[in-house]
Full PDB file with SEQRES, HELIX, SHEET, SSBOND, CRYST1, ORIGX, SCALE, CONECT and MASTER records, all heavy atoms in Angstrom:
SEQRES   1 A   41  LEU LYS HIS ALA SER GLN LYS ASN TYR LEU VAL GLY PHE          
SEQRES   2 A   41  ALA ASP SER ALA GLU LEU ASN LYS PHE VAL ALA GLU ALA          
SEQRES   3 A   41  GLY LYS SER GLU ILE MET LYS VAL ILE ASP THR ASP VAL          
SEQRES   4 A   41  PRO ARG                                                      
HELIX    1 AA1 SER A   16  ALA A   26  1                                  11    
CRYST1    1.000    1.000    1.000  90.00  90.00  90.00 P 1           1          
ORIGX1      1.000000  0.000000  0.000000        0.00000                         
ORIGX2      0.000000  1.000000  0.000000        0.00000                         
ORIGX3      0.000000  0.000000  1.000000        0.00000                         
SCALE1      1.000000  0.000000  0.000000        0.00000                         
SCALE2      0.000000  1.000000  0.000000        0.00000                         
SCALE3      0.000000  0.000000  1.000000        0.00000                         
ATOM      1  N   LEU A   1     105.990  68.555 118.150  1.00  0.00           N  
ATOM      2  CA  LEU A   1     107.084  69.304 118.741  1.00  0.00           C  
ATOM      3  C   LEU A   1     107.992  69.851 117.661  1.00  0.00           C  
ATOM      4  O   LEU A   1     108.415  71.010 117.704  1.00  0.00           O  
ATOM      5  CB  LEU A   1     107.899  68.436 119.714  1.00  0.00           C  
ATOM      6  CG  LEU A   1     109.118  69.119 120.379  1.00  0.00           C  
ATOM      7  CD1 LEU A   1     108.671  70.276 121.256  1.00  0.00           C  
ATOM      8  CD2 LEU A   1     109.903  68.082 121.197  1.00  0.00           C  
ATOM      9  N   LYS A   2     108.257  69.038 116.637  1.00  0.00           N  
ATOM     10  CA  LYS A   2     109.190  69.464 115.573  1.00  0.00           C  
ATOM     11  C   LYS A   2     108.578  70.543 114.687  1.00  0.00           C  
ATOM     12  O   LYS A   2     109.264  71.373 114.109  1.00  0.00           O  
ATOM     13  CB  LYS A   2     109.539  68.282 114.712  1.00  0.00           C  
ATOM     14  CG  LYS A   2     110.311  67.178 115.453  1.00  0.00           C  
ATOM     15  CD  LYS A   2     110.483  65.930 114.609  1.00  0.00           C  
ATOM     16  CE  LYS A   2     111.191  64.814 115.379  1.00  0.00           C  
ATOM     17  NZ  LYS A   2     111.310  63.572 114.622  1.00  0.00           N  
ATOM     18  N   HIS A   3     107.219  70.557 114.596  1.00  0.00           N  
ATOM     19  CA  HIS A   3     106.538  71.509 113.688  1.00  0.00           C  
ATOM     20  C   HIS A   3     105.611  72.429 114.441  1.00  0.00           C  
ATOM     21  O   HIS A   3     104.616  72.917 113.876  1.00  0.00           O  
ATOM     22  CB  HIS A   3     105.800  70.754 112.588  1.00  0.00           C  
ATOM     23  CG  HIS A   3     106.627  69.812 111.832  1.00  0.00           C  
ATOM     24  ND1 HIS A   3     106.526  68.433 111.906  1.00  0.00           N  
ATOM     25  CD2 HIS A   3     107.661  70.040 110.968  1.00  0.00           C  
ATOM     26  CE1 HIS A   3     107.434  67.869 111.126  1.00  0.00           C  
ATOM     27  NE2 HIS A   3     108.126  68.773 110.542  1.00  0.00           N  
ATOM     28  N   ALA A   4     105.876  72.690 115.695  1.00  0.00           N  
ATOM     29  CA  ALA A   4     105.006  73.543 116.525  1.00  0.00           C  
ATOM     30  C   ALA A   4     104.986  74.970 115.964  1.00  0.00           C  
ATOM     31  O   ALA A   4     106.015  75.485 115.514  1.00  0.00           O  
ATOM     32  CB  ALA A   4     105.512  73.534 117.966  1.00  0.00           C  
ATOM     33  N   SER A   5     103.807  75.600 116.031  1.00  0.00           N  
ATOM     34  CA  SER A   5     103.689  76.972 115.569  1.00  0.00           C  
ATOM     35  C   SER A   5     104.273  77.969 116.579  1.00  0.00           C  
ATOM     36  O   SER A   5     104.658  79.100 116.239  1.00  0.00           O  
ATOM     37  CB  SER A   5     102.226  77.328 115.316  1.00  0.00           C  
ATOM     38  OG  SER A   5     101.442  77.197 116.464  1.00  0.00           O  
ATOM     39  N   GLN A   6     104.346  77.523 117.856  1.00  0.00           N  
ATOM     40  CA  GLN A   6     104.950  78.397 118.880  1.00  0.00           C  
ATOM     41  C   GLN A   6     106.442  78.299 118.809  1.00  0.00           C  
ATOM     42  O   GLN A   6     106.989  77.212 118.962  1.00  0.00           O  
ATOM     43  CB  GLN A   6     104.421  78.014 120.246  1.00  0.00           C  
ATOM     44  CG  GLN A   6     104.710  79.010 121.370  1.00  0.00           C  
ATOM     45  CD  GLN A   6     103.751  80.194 121.312  1.00  0.00           C  
ATOM     46  OE1 GLN A   6     102.740  80.148 120.698  1.00  0.00           O  
ATOM     47  NE2 GLN A   6     104.130  81.278 121.950  1.00  0.00           N  
ATOM     48  N   LYS A   7     107.128  79.410 118.590  1.00  0.00           N  
ATOM     49  CA  LYS A   7     108.584  79.371 118.408  1.00  0.00           C  
ATOM     50  C   LYS A   7     109.274  80.387 119.287  1.00  0.00           C  
ATOM     51  O   LYS A   7     108.650  81.374 119.706  1.00  0.00           O  
ATOM     52  CB  LYS A   7     108.926  79.624 116.924  1.00  0.00           C  
ATOM     53  CG  LYS A   7     108.511  78.466 116.003  1.00  0.00           C  
ATOM     54  CD  LYS A   7     108.956  78.698 114.596  1.00  0.00           C  
ATOM     55  CE  LYS A   7     108.671  77.521 113.677  1.00  0.00           C  
ATOM     56  NZ  LYS A   7     107.247  77.235 113.581  1.00  0.00           N  
ATOM     57  N   ASN A   8     110.535  80.126 119.542  1.00  0.00           N  
ATOM     58  CA  ASN A   8     111.379  81.009 120.340  1.00  0.00           C  
ATOM     59  C   ASN A   8     112.373  81.751 119.503  1.00  0.00           C  
ATOM     60  O   ASN A   8     112.927  81.201 118.532  1.00  0.00           O  
ATOM     61  CB  ASN A   8     112.107  80.198 121.433  1.00  0.00           C  
ATOM     62  CG  ASN A   8     111.162  79.476 122.393  1.00  0.00           C  
ATOM     63  OD1 ASN A   8     110.042  79.903 122.576  1.00  0.00           O  
ATOM     64  ND2 ASN A   8     111.636  78.432 123.004  1.00  0.00           N  
ATOM     65  N   TYR A   9     112.650  83.003 119.884  1.00  0.00           N  
ATOM     66  CA  TYR A   9     113.619  83.856 119.147  1.00  0.00           C  
ATOM     67  C   TYR A   9     114.529  84.548 120.145  1.00  0.00           C  
ATOM     68  O   TYR A   9     114.111  84.981 121.198  1.00  0.00           O  
ATOM     69  CB  TYR A   9     112.879  84.906 118.307  1.00  0.00           C  
ATOM     70  CG  TYR A   9     111.999  84.326 117.250  1.00  0.00           C  
ATOM     71  CD1 TYR A   9     110.674  83.947 117.520  1.00  0.00           C  
ATOM     72  CD2 TYR A   9     112.513  84.061 115.997  1.00  0.00           C  
ATOM     73  CE1 TYR A   9     109.871  83.388 116.557  1.00  0.00           C  
ATOM     74  CE2 TYR A   9     111.701  83.493 114.987  1.00  0.00           C  
ATOM     75  CZ  TYR A   9     110.399  83.135 115.266  1.00  0.00           C  
ATOM     76  OH  TYR A   9     109.599  82.575 114.321  1.00  0.00           O  
ATOM     77  N   LEU A  10     115.837  84.582 119.793  1.00  0.00           N  
ATOM     78  CA  LEU A  10     116.832  85.245 120.574  1.00  0.00           C  
ATOM     79  C   LEU A  10     117.057  86.651 120.022  1.00  0.00           C  
ATOM     80  O   LEU A  10     117.370  86.791 118.845  1.00  0.00           O  
ATOM     81  CB  LEU A  10     118.161  84.457 120.567  1.00  0.00           C  
ATOM     82  CG  LEU A  10     119.262  85.008 121.488  1.00  0.00           C  
ATOM     83  CD1 LEU A  10     118.883  84.852 122.928  1.00  0.00           C  
ATOM     84  CD2 LEU A  10     120.575  84.311 121.187  1.00  0.00           C  
ATOM     85  N   VAL A  11     116.900  87.627 120.888  1.00  0.00           N  
ATOM     86  CA  VAL A  11     117.014  89.055 120.452  1.00  0.00           C  
ATOM     87  C   VAL A  11     118.200  89.678 121.228  1.00  0.00           C  
ATOM     88  O   VAL A  11     118.253  89.620 122.456  1.00  0.00           O  
ATOM     89  CB  VAL A  11     115.741  89.821 120.767  1.00  0.00           C  
ATOM     90  CG1 VAL A  11     115.854  91.246 120.168  1.00  0.00           C  
ATOM     91  CG2 VAL A  11     114.510  89.133 120.231  1.00  0.00           C  
ATOM     92  N   GLY A  12     119.134  90.279 120.528  1.00  0.00           N  
ATOM     93  CA  GLY A  12     120.290  90.955 121.131  1.00  0.00           C  
ATOM     94  C   GLY A  12     120.104  92.484 121.025  1.00  0.00           C  
ATOM     95  O   GLY A  12     119.782  92.969 119.971  1.00  0.00           O  
ATOM     96  N   PHE A  13     120.322  93.195 122.153  1.00  0.00           N  
ATOM     97  CA  PHE A  13     120.079  94.615 122.185  1.00  0.00           C  
ATOM     98  C   PHE A  13     121.411  95.361 122.257  1.00  0.00           C  
ATOM     99  O   PHE A  13     122.442  94.825 122.718  1.00  0.00           O  
ATOM    100  CB  PHE A  13     119.200  94.971 123.414  1.00  0.00           C  
ATOM    101  CG  PHE A  13     117.817  94.446 123.246  1.00  0.00           C  
ATOM    102  CD1 PHE A  13     117.505  93.191 123.694  1.00  0.00           C  
ATOM    103  CD2 PHE A  13     116.806  95.234 122.685  1.00  0.00           C  
ATOM    104  CE1 PHE A  13     116.197  92.699 123.603  1.00  0.00           C  
ATOM    105  CE2 PHE A  13     115.496  94.733 122.589  1.00  0.00           C  
ATOM    106  CZ  PHE A  13     115.194  93.480 123.028  1.00  0.00           C  
ATOM    107  N   ALA A  14     121.385  96.615 121.863  1.00  0.00           N  
ATOM    108  CA  ALA A  14     122.603  97.441 121.809  1.00  0.00           C  
ATOM    109  C   ALA A  14     123.058  97.821 123.228  1.00  0.00           C  
ATOM    110  O   ALA A  14     124.277  97.952 123.455  1.00  0.00           O  
ATOM    111  CB  ALA A  14     122.374  98.706 120.965  1.00  0.00           C  
ATOM    112  N   ASP A  15     122.139  97.976 124.134  1.00  0.00           N  
ATOM    113  CA  ASP A  15     122.504  98.357 125.524  1.00  0.00           C  
ATOM    114  C   ASP A  15     121.373  97.918 126.488  1.00  0.00           C  
ATOM    115  O   ASP A  15     120.333  97.524 126.076  1.00  0.00           O  
ATOM    116  CB  ASP A  15     122.777  99.859 125.624  1.00  0.00           C  
ATOM    117  CG  ASP A  15     121.609 100.728 125.141  1.00  0.00           C  
ATOM    118  OD1 ASP A  15     120.479 100.500 125.620  1.00  0.00           O  
ATOM    119  OD2 ASP A  15     121.811 101.562 124.225  1.00  0.00           O  
ATOM    120  N   SER A  16     121.704  98.039 127.772  1.00  0.00           N  
ATOM    121  CA  SER A  16     120.777  97.551 128.813  1.00  0.00           C  
ATOM    122  C   SER A  16     119.494  98.370 128.852  1.00  0.00           C  
ATOM    123  O   SER A  16     118.443  97.849 129.212  1.00  0.00           O  
ATOM    124  CB  SER A  16     121.444  97.540 130.158  1.00  0.00           C  
ATOM    125  OG  SER A  16     121.905  98.810 130.497  1.00  0.00           O  
ATOM    126  N   ALA A  17     119.585  99.646 128.530  1.00  0.00           N  
ATOM    127  CA  ALA A  17     118.394 100.517 128.539  1.00  0.00           C  
ATOM    128  C   ALA A  17     117.365 100.014 127.527  1.00  0.00           C  
ATOM    129  O   ALA A  17     116.160  99.929 127.803  1.00  0.00           O  
ATOM    130  CB  ALA A  17     118.765 101.960 128.281  1.00  0.00           C  
ATOM    131  N   GLU A  18     117.855  99.672 126.362  1.00  0.00           N  
ATOM    132  CA  GLU A  18     116.938  99.109 125.309  1.00  0.00           C  
ATOM    133  C   GLU A  18     116.360  97.767 125.726  1.00  0.00           C  
ATOM    134  O   GLU A  18     115.197  97.519 125.524  1.00  0.00           O  
ATOM    135  CB  GLU A  18     117.711  98.988 123.978  1.00  0.00           C  
ATOM    136  CG  GLU A  18     118.100 100.272 123.321  1.00  0.00           C  
ATOM    137  CD  GLU A  18     116.834 100.991 122.753  1.00  0.00           C  
ATOM    138  OE1 GLU A  18     116.304 100.556 121.765  1.00  0.00           O  
ATOM    139  OE2 GLU A  18     116.427 102.004 123.388  1.00  0.00           O  
ATOM    140  N   LEU A  19     117.212  96.945 126.324  1.00  0.00           N  
ATOM    141  CA  LEU A  19     116.739  95.615 126.774  1.00  0.00           C  
ATOM    142  C   LEU A  19     115.626  95.791 127.842  1.00  0.00           C  
ATOM    143  O   LEU A  19     114.568  95.148 127.731  1.00  0.00           O  
ATOM    144  CB  LEU A  19     117.921  94.808 127.360  1.00  0.00           C  
ATOM    145  CG  LEU A  19     117.638  93.405 127.850  1.00  0.00           C  
ATOM    146  CD1 LEU A  19     118.841  92.520 127.652  1.00  0.00           C  
ATOM    147  CD2 LEU A  19     117.251  93.408 129.354  1.00  0.00           C  
ATOM    148  N   ASN A  20     115.878  96.628 128.823  1.00  0.00           N  
ATOM    149  CA  ASN A  20     114.913  96.817 129.907  1.00  0.00           C  
ATOM    150  C   ASN A  20     113.613  97.398 129.404  1.00  0.00           C  
ATOM    151  O   ASN A  20     112.505  97.019 129.878  1.00  0.00           O  
ATOM    152  CB  ASN A  20     115.511  97.690 131.020  1.00  0.00           C  
ATOM    153  CG  ASN A  20     116.631  97.045 131.754  1.00  0.00           C  
ATOM    154  OD1 ASN A  20     116.683  95.798 131.859  1.00  0.00           O  
ATOM    155  ND2 ASN A  20     117.572  97.825 132.271  1.00  0.00           N  
ATOM    156  N   LYS A  21     113.704  98.334 128.460  1.00  0.00           N  
ATOM    157  CA  LYS A  21     112.467  98.928 127.900  1.00  0.00           C  
ATOM    158  C   LYS A  21     111.662  97.878 127.161  1.00  0.00           C  
ATOM    159  O   LYS A  21     110.446  97.850 127.273  1.00  0.00           O  
ATOM    160  CB  LYS A  21     112.871 100.066 126.946  1.00  0.00           C  
ATOM    161  CG  LYS A  21     111.674 100.877 126.423  1.00  0.00           C  
ATOM    162  CD  LYS A  21     112.110 102.149 125.767  1.00  0.00           C  
ATOM    163  CE  LYS A  21     112.809 101.887 124.431  1.00  0.00           C  
ATOM    164  NZ  LYS A  21     113.034 103.128 123.660  1.00  0.00           N  
ATOM    165  N   PHE A  22     112.361  96.994 126.379  1.00  0.00           N  
ATOM    166  CA  PHE A  22     111.643  95.955 125.674  1.00  0.00           C  
ATOM    167  C   PHE A  22     111.014  94.956 126.645  1.00  0.00           C  
ATOM    168  O   PHE A  22     109.839  94.543 126.441  1.00  0.00           O  
ATOM    169  CB  PHE A  22     112.607  95.222 124.736  1.00  0.00           C  
ATOM    170  CG  PHE A  22     111.976  94.004 124.095  1.00  0.00           C  
ATOM    171  CD1 PHE A  22     111.096  94.165 123.010  1.00  0.00           C  
ATOM    172  CD2 PHE A  22     112.236  92.739 124.595  1.00  0.00           C  
ATOM    173  CE1 PHE A  22     110.493  93.040 122.449  1.00  0.00           C  
ATOM    174  CE2 PHE A  22     111.620  91.614 124.014  1.00  0.00           C  
ATOM    175  CZ  PHE A  22     110.737  91.755 122.952  1.00  0.00           C  
ATOM    176  N   VAL A  23     111.728  94.532 127.671  1.00  0.00           N  
ATOM    177  CA  VAL A  23     111.192  93.574 128.627  1.00  0.00           C  
ATOM    178  C   VAL A  23     109.915  94.146 129.283  1.00  0.00           C  
ATOM    179  O   VAL A  23     108.950  93.405 129.493  1.00  0.00           O  
ATOM    180  CB  VAL A  23     112.221  93.210 129.700  1.00  0.00           C  
ATOM    181  CG1 VAL A  23     111.601  92.401 130.827  1.00  0.00           C  
ATOM    182  CG2 VAL A  23     113.373  92.411 129.071  1.00  0.00           C  
ATOM    183  N   ALA A  24     109.936  95.402 129.569  1.00  0.00           N  
ATOM    184  CA  ALA A  24     108.758  96.045 130.206  1.00  0.00           C  
ATOM    185  C   ALA A  24     107.568  96.011 129.217  1.00  0.00           C  
ATOM    186  O   ALA A  24     106.432  95.713 129.616  1.00  0.00           O  
ATOM    187  CB  ALA A  24     109.100  97.493 130.606  1.00  0.00           C  
ATOM    188  N   GLU A  25     107.829  96.292 127.953  1.00  0.00           N  
ATOM    189  CA  GLU A  25     106.742  96.295 126.981  1.00  0.00           C  
ATOM    190  C   GLU A  25     106.218  94.867 126.732  1.00  0.00           C  
ATOM    191  O   GLU A  25     105.017  94.637 126.709  1.00  0.00           O  
ATOM    192  CB  GLU A  25     107.234  96.827 125.612  1.00  0.00           C  
ATOM    193  CG  GLU A  25     106.096  96.811 124.559  1.00  0.00           C  
ATOM    194  CD  GLU A  25     106.622  97.042 123.147  1.00  0.00           C  
ATOM    195  OE1 GLU A  25     107.775  97.419 122.968  1.00  0.00           O  
ATOM    196  OE2 GLU A  25     105.840  96.747 122.219  1.00  0.00           O  
ATOM    197  N   ALA A  26     107.138  93.920 126.602  1.00  0.00           N  
ATOM    198  CA  ALA A  26     106.791  92.545 126.321  1.00  0.00           C  
ATOM    199  C   ALA A  26     105.958  91.952 127.471  1.00  0.00           C  
ATOM    200  O   ALA A  26     105.104  91.089 127.250  1.00  0.00           O  
ATOM    201  CB  ALA A  26     108.007  91.678 126.071  1.00  0.00           C  
ATOM    202  N   GLY A  27     106.209  92.419 128.678  1.00  0.00           N  
ATOM    203  CA  GLY A  27     105.450  91.950 129.835  1.00  0.00           C  
ATOM    204  C   GLY A  27     103.978  92.279 129.761  1.00  0.00           C  
ATOM    205  O   GLY A  27     103.152  91.620 130.410  1.00  0.00           O  
ATOM    206  N   LYS A  28     103.633  93.278 128.961  1.00  0.00           N  
ATOM    207  CA  LYS A  28     102.225  93.668 128.806  1.00  0.00           C  
ATOM    208  C   LYS A  28     101.607  93.146 127.506  1.00  0.00           C  
ATOM    209  O   LYS A  28     100.425  93.364 127.233  1.00  0.00           O  
ATOM    210  CB  LYS A  28     102.144  95.231 128.804  1.00  0.00           C  
ATOM    211  CG  LYS A  28     102.734  95.896 130.012  1.00  0.00           C  
ATOM    212  CD  LYS A  28     102.800  97.395 129.849  1.00  0.00           C  
ATOM    213  CE  LYS A  28     103.529  98.057 131.024  1.00  0.00           C  
ATOM    214  NZ  LYS A  28     103.662  99.546 130.805  1.00  0.00           N  
ATOM    215  N   SER A  29     102.440  92.479 126.708  1.00  0.00           N  
ATOM    216  CA  SER A  29     102.011  92.043 125.376  1.00  0.00           C  
ATOM    217  C   SER A  29     101.162  90.731 125.424  1.00  0.00           C  
ATOM    218  O   SER A  29     101.409  89.891 126.261  1.00  0.00           O  
ATOM    219  CB  SER A  29     103.225  91.838 124.475  1.00  0.00           C  
ATOM    220  OG  SER A  29     102.839  91.299 123.235  1.00  0.00           O  
ATOM    221  N   GLU A  30     100.233  90.694 124.552  1.00  0.00           N  
ATOM    222  CA  GLU A  30      99.389  89.471 124.382  1.00  0.00           C  
ATOM    223  C   GLU A  30      99.876  88.590 123.247  1.00  0.00           C  
ATOM    224  O   GLU A  30      99.361  87.517 123.027  1.00  0.00           O  
ATOM    225  CB  GLU A  30      97.942  89.854 124.176  1.00  0.00           C  
ATOM    226  CG  GLU A  30      97.299  90.591 125.340  1.00  0.00           C  
ATOM    227  CD  GLU A  30      95.843  90.927 125.093  1.00  0.00           C  
ATOM    228  OE1 GLU A  30      95.379  90.682 123.968  1.00  0.00           O  
ATOM    229  OE2 GLU A  30      95.191  91.398 126.059  1.00  0.00           O  
ATOM    230  N   ILE A  31     100.905  89.019 122.516  1.00  0.00           N  
ATOM    231  CA  ILE A  31     101.342  88.256 121.328  1.00  0.00           C  
ATOM    232  C   ILE A  31     102.719  87.660 121.521  1.00  0.00           C  
ATOM    233  O   ILE A  31     103.167  86.847 120.692  1.00  0.00           O  
ATOM    234  CB  ILE A  31     101.324  89.121 120.069  1.00  0.00           C  
ATOM    235  CG1 ILE A  31     102.338  90.252 120.160  1.00  0.00           C  
ATOM    236  CG2 ILE A  31      99.919  89.672 119.776  1.00  0.00           C  
ATOM    237  CD1 ILE A  31     102.566  90.972 118.829  1.00  0.00           C  
ATOM    238  N   MET A  32     103.423  88.045 122.579  1.00  0.00           N  
ATOM    239  CA  MET A  32     104.763  87.474 122.807  1.00  0.00           C  
ATOM    240  C   MET A  32     104.996  87.398 124.320  1.00  0.00           C  
ATOM    241  O   MET A  32     104.380  88.120 125.117  1.00  0.00           O  
ATOM    242  CB  MET A  32     105.841  88.288 122.117  1.00  0.00           C  
ATOM    243  CG  MET A  32     105.924  89.731 122.554  1.00  0.00           C  
ATOM    244  SD  MET A  32     107.254  90.591 121.645  1.00  0.00           S  
ATOM    245  CE  MET A  32     106.839  92.313 122.067  1.00  0.00           C  
ATOM    246  N   LYS A  33     105.933  86.524 124.708  1.00  0.00           N  
ATOM    247  CA  LYS A  33     106.243  86.318 126.108  1.00  0.00           C  
ATOM    248  C   LYS A  33     107.741  86.193 126.232  1.00  0.00           C  
ATOM    249  O   LYS A  33     108.415  85.436 125.518  1.00  0.00           O  
ATOM    250  CB  LYS A  33     105.570  85.063 126.609  1.00  0.00           C  
ATOM    251  CG  LYS A  33     105.867  84.736 128.077  1.00  0.00           C  
ATOM    252  CD  LYS A  33     105.146  83.443 128.478  1.00  0.00           C  
ATOM    253  CE  LYS A  33     105.501  83.054 129.932  1.00  0.00           C  
ATOM    254  NZ  LYS A  33     104.841  81.782 130.300  1.00  0.00           N  
ATOM    255  N   VAL A  34     108.327  86.874 127.223  1.00  0.00           N  
ATOM    256  CA  VAL A  34     109.752  86.735 127.543  1.00  0.00           C  
ATOM    257  C   VAL A  34     109.914  85.488 128.395  1.00  0.00           C  
ATOM    258  O   VAL A  34     109.322  85.344 129.430  1.00  0.00           O  
ATOM    259  CB  VAL A  34     110.260  87.980 128.297  1.00  0.00           C  
ATOM    260  CG1 VAL A  34     111.705  87.739 128.751  1.00  0.00           C  
ATOM    261  CG2 VAL A  34     110.224  89.212 127.411  1.00  0.00           C  
ATOM    262  N   ILE A  35     110.738  84.555 127.878  1.00  0.00           N  
ATOM    263  CA  ILE A  35     110.968  83.315 128.646  1.00  0.00           C  
ATOM    264  C   ILE A  35     112.352  83.246 129.244  1.00  0.00           C  
ATOM    265  O   ILE A  35     112.638  82.372 130.097  1.00  0.00           O  
ATOM    266  CB  ILE A  35     110.709  82.051 127.769  1.00  0.00           C  
ATOM    267  CG1 ILE A  35     111.610  82.027 126.532  1.00  0.00           C  
ATOM    268  CG2 ILE A  35     109.255  82.011 127.374  1.00  0.00           C  
ATOM    269  CD1 ILE A  35     111.479  80.777 125.717  1.00  0.00           C  
ATOM    270  N   ASP A  36     113.270  84.153 128.806  1.00  0.00           N  
ATOM    271  CA  ASP A  36     114.629  84.190 129.436  1.00  0.00           C  
ATOM    272  C   ASP A  36     115.249  85.539 129.154  1.00  0.00           C  
ATOM    273  O   ASP A  36     115.085  86.099 128.059  1.00  0.00           O  
ATOM    274  CB  ASP A  36     115.471  83.074 128.833  1.00  0.00           C  
ATOM    275  CG  ASP A  36     116.841  83.003 129.567  1.00  0.00           C  
ATOM    276  OD1 ASP A  36     116.845  82.817 130.802  1.00  0.00           O  
ATOM    277  OD2 ASP A  36     117.879  83.114 128.904  1.00  0.00           O  
ATOM    278  N   THR A  37     115.926  86.050 130.155  1.00  0.00           N  
ATOM    279  CA  THR A  37     116.638  87.348 130.007  1.00  0.00           C  
ATOM    280  C   THR A  37     118.069  87.155 130.503  1.00  0.00           C  
ATOM    281  O   THR A  37     118.290  86.688 131.613  1.00  0.00           O  
ATOM    282  CB  THR A  37     115.941  88.461 130.822  1.00  0.00           C  
ATOM    283  OG1 THR A  37     114.618  88.605 130.409  1.00  0.00           O  
ATOM    284  CG2 THR A  37     116.697  89.776 130.633  1.00  0.00           C  
ATOM    285  N   ASP A  38     119.024  87.538 129.654  1.00  0.00           N  
ATOM    286  CA  ASP A  38     120.447  87.444 130.035  1.00  0.00           C  
ATOM    287  C   ASP A  38     121.037  88.895 129.975  1.00  0.00           C  
ATOM    288  O   ASP A  38     121.430  89.333 128.908  1.00  0.00           O  
ATOM    289  CB  ASP A  38     121.174  86.537 129.012  1.00  0.00           C  
ATOM    290  CG  ASP A  38     122.620  86.224 129.470  1.00  0.00           C  
ATOM    291  OD1 ASP A  38     123.190  87.061 130.216  1.00  0.00           O  
ATOM    292  OD2 ASP A  38     123.139  85.172 129.067  1.00  0.00           O  
ATOM    293  N   VAL A  39     120.967  89.552 131.086  1.00  0.00           N  
ATOM    294  CA  VAL A  39     121.374  90.972 131.151  1.00  0.00           C  
ATOM    295  C   VAL A  39     122.852  91.166 130.787  1.00  0.00           C  
ATOM    296  O   VAL A  39     123.170  92.043 129.996  1.00  0.00           O  
ATOM    297  CB  VAL A  39     121.073  91.573 132.588  1.00  0.00           C  
ATOM    298  CG1 VAL A  39     121.591  93.018 132.611  1.00  0.00           C  
ATOM    299  CG2 VAL A  39     119.584  91.508 132.799  1.00  0.00           C  
ATOM    300  N   PRO A  40     123.769  90.346 131.296  1.00  0.00           N  
ATOM    301  CA  PRO A  40     125.191  90.544 130.902  1.00  0.00           C  
ATOM    302  C   PRO A  40     125.420  90.443 129.416  1.00  0.00           C  
ATOM    303  O   PRO A  40     126.277  91.180 128.855  1.00  0.00           O  
ATOM    304  CB  PRO A  40     125.936  89.429 131.659  1.00  0.00           C  
ATOM    305  CG  PRO A  40     125.037  89.121 132.833  1.00  0.00           C  
ATOM    306  CD  PRO A  40     123.665  89.290 132.340  1.00  0.00           C  
ATOM    307  N   ARG A  41     124.706  89.551 128.756  1.00  0.00           N  
ATOM    308  CA  ARG A  41     124.878  89.402 127.319  1.00  0.00           C  
ATOM    309  C   ARG A  41     123.919  90.259 126.497  1.00  0.00           C  
ATOM    310  O   ARG A  41     123.926  90.228 125.236  1.00  0.00           O  
ATOM    311  CB  ARG A  41     124.728  87.929 126.923  1.00  0.00           C  
ATOM    312  CG  ARG A  41     125.761  87.004 127.540  1.00  0.00           C  
ATOM    313  CD  ARG A  41     125.598  85.583 127.111  1.00  0.00           C  
ATOM    314  NE  ARG A  41     126.633  84.716 127.692  1.00  0.00           N  
ATOM    315  CZ  ARG A  41     126.728  83.428 127.483  1.00  0.00           C  
ATOM    316  NH1 ARG A  41     125.831  82.821 126.691  1.00  0.00           N  
ATOM    317  NH2 ARG A  41     127.676  82.728 128.075  1.00  0.00           N  
TER     318      ARG A  41                                                      
MASTER        0    0    0    1    0    0    0    6  317    1    0    4          
END                                                                             
């Protein structure tokens, strides 16, 4: 668990349009997965 190769990253976007566009792309990706979305932040 301490040395797992699977890691999480927090990404902050400039606006909601950019966030929504990224979430849509990531939903089709085979190399990354969205595990949490905080629209207000």
